[in-house]
Amino acid sequence: MKPTLPVFAALGLTAFTIAPAGALSVYVEPTKAFADFSVYIESTKAFADCVVYKEPTKAFATLPQHWYFESTKAFADRAIYFEKTKAFADISIAYTDTKAFARCKVPIPHKK
């Protein structure tokens, strides 16, 4: 259980909350066993579970479909593994260049 301060407790936040609940910074794990979930990169946006926008900084990754890619696993919210076969992946994603077109049809898996 995380310690809370009275001001934060009234708002339902912990003292250690830095990013919004939907924020997602990811680290690309080279080994599937150490990843929280596996991802398949879809060639078309229509068939993807999530259309992801790559954020330039972690501060702007405020929605589950806006991902910031970390270079260090310790700073990431989730570790992902890029799967080559769609059947073995937990979710499929496609990238978009437009922030407004990012969306998710399914919830992002939790940590293992």
Protein backbone atom coordinates (compact mmCIF):
# COMPACT_ATOMS: atom_id res chain seq x y z
CA MET A 1 0.00 0.00 0.00
CA LYS A 2 1.35 3.41 -0.96
CA PRO A 3 1.44 6.12 1.70
CA THR A 4 -0.87 9.07 1.09
CA LEU A 5 -0.96 12.64 2.21
CA PRO A 6 -4.30 14.12 3.38
CA VAL A 7 -4.57 16.46 0.39
CA PHE A 8 -3.90 13.68 -2.09
CA ALA A 9 -6.17 11.24 -0.26
CA ALA A 10 -9.12 13.62 -0.62
CA LEU A 11 -8.54 13.57 -4.39
CA GLY A 12 -8.10 9.81 -4.48
CA LEU A 13 -4.42 10.07 -5.41
CA THR A 14 -1.30 8.76 -3.75
CA ALA A 15 1.67 10.95 -2.95
CA PHE A 16 3.69 9.13 -5.60
CA THR A 17 1.29 9.65 -8.52
CA ILE A 18 3.26 11.45 -11.21
CA ALA A 19 1.57 10.53 -14.48
CA PRO A 20 -2.15 10.17 -15.19
CA ALA A 21 -3.65 6.70 -14.80
CA GLY A 22 -3.93 6.19 -18.55
CA ALA A 23 -0.34 7.22 -19.27
CA LEU A 24 1.80 4.52 -20.80
CA SER A 25 5.54 4.47 -21.17
CA VAL A 26 6.86 1.25 -22.65
CA TYR A 27 10.18 -0.49 -22.87
CA VAL A 28 10.83 -2.89 -25.73
CA GLU A 29 12.03 -6.12 -24.15
CA PRO A 30 14.18 -8.39 -26.34
CA THR A 31 13.08 -11.50 -24.40
CA LYS A 32 9.41 -12.51 -24.27
CA ALA A 33 9.71 -14.09 -20.82
CA PHE A 34 10.56 -10.73 -19.24
CA ALA A 35 7.83 -8.73 -21.01
CA ASP A 36 4.49 -7.79 -19.43
CA PHE A 37 2.66 -8.50 -22.69
CA SER A 38 3.41 -9.21 -26.33
CA VAL A 39 2.46 -6.97 -29.23
CA TYR A 40 2.00 -7.65 -32.93
CA ILE A 41 2.43 -4.75 -35.36
CA GLU A 42 -0.50 -4.78 -37.77
CA SER A 43 0.01 -3.53 -41.32
CA THR A 44 -3.43 -1.88 -41.50
CA LYS A 45 -5.10 0.25 -38.85
CA ALA A 46 -8.52 -1.30 -39.42
CA PHE A 47 -7.54 -4.69 -37.99
CA ALA A 48 -5.46 -3.42 -35.04
CA ASP A 49 -6.70 -3.63 -31.45
CA CYS A 50 -4.98 -0.31 -30.74
CA VAL A 51 -3.85 2.47 -33.02
CA VAL A 52 -0.87 3.95 -31.17
CA TYR A 53 0.65 7.40 -31.40
CA LYS A 54 4.33 7.65 -30.42
CA GLU A 55 4.76 10.58 -28.06
CA PRO A 56 8.02 12.56 -28.08
CA THR A 57 8.04 12.98 -24.28
CA LYS A 58 6.55 11.07 -21.35
CA ALA A 59 4.62 14.12 -20.16
CA PHE A 60 2.38 14.02 -23.23
CA ALA A 61 1.58 10.30 -22.98
CA THR A 62 -1.65 10.87 -21.08
CA LEU A 63 -3.91 8.31 -22.77
CA PRO A 64 -3.56 4.52 -23.12
CA GLN A 65 -3.17 4.86 -26.89
CA HIS A 66 -0.36 7.43 -26.57
CA TRP A 67 2.89 5.59 -25.89
CA TYR A 68 6.27 6.92 -24.94
CA PHE A 69 9.11 4.49 -25.60
CA GLU A 70 11.64 4.40 -22.76
CA SER A 71 15.27 3.45 -23.24
CA THR A 72 15.51 2.07 -19.68
CA LYS A 73 13.22 -0.61 -18.27
CA ALA A 74 13.28 0.86 -14.76
CA PHE A 75 11.48 4.02 -15.90
CA ALA A 76 8.82 2.27 -18.00
CA ASP A 77 5.27 1.48 -16.92
CA ARG A 78 5.17 -1.68 -19.06
CA ALA A 79 7.65 -3.90 -20.86
CA ILE A 80 6.51 -5.17 -24.24
CA TYR A 81 7.78 -7.78 -26.65
CA PHE A 82 7.20 -7.46 -30.40
CA GLU A 83 5.79 -10.75 -31.64
CA LYS A 84 6.32 -11.89 -35.23
CA THR A 85 3.17 -14.04 -35.29
CA LYS A 86 -0.22 -12.46 -34.58
CA ALA A 87 -1.64 -15.59 -32.96
CA PHE A 88 0.98 -15.48 -30.19
CA ALA A 89 0.47 -11.78 -29.37
CA ASP A 90 -1.70 -10.42 -26.56
CA ILE A 91 -2.74 -7.35 -28.58
CA SER A 92 -2.12 -5.99 -32.06
CA ILE A 93 -1.20 -2.38 -32.74
CA ALA A 94 -0.73 -0.06 -35.69
CA TYR A 95 1.09 3.27 -35.59
CA THR A 96 -0.41 6.59 -36.62
CA ASP A 97 1.22 9.92 -37.37
CA THR A 98 -1.84 11.88 -36.23
CA LYS A 99 -2.52 12.15 -32.51
CA ALA A 100 -6.30 12.44 -32.99
CA PHE A 101 -6.51 9.11 -34.84
CA ALA A 102 -5.07 7.09 -31.93
CA ARG A 103 -7.63 4.74 -30.32
CA CYS A 104 -7.94 1.44 -28.47
CA LYS A 105 -10.67 -1.15 -28.97
CA VAL A 106 -9.45 -3.33 -26.09
CA PRO A 107 -7.90 -2.42 -22.72
CA ILE A 108 -4.12 -2.51 -22.43
CA PRO A 109 -3.05 -5.67 -20.54
CA HIS A 110 -1.81 -5.27 -16.97
CA LYS A 111 1.60 -6.27 -15.73
CA LYS A 112 2.20 -9.98 -15.21
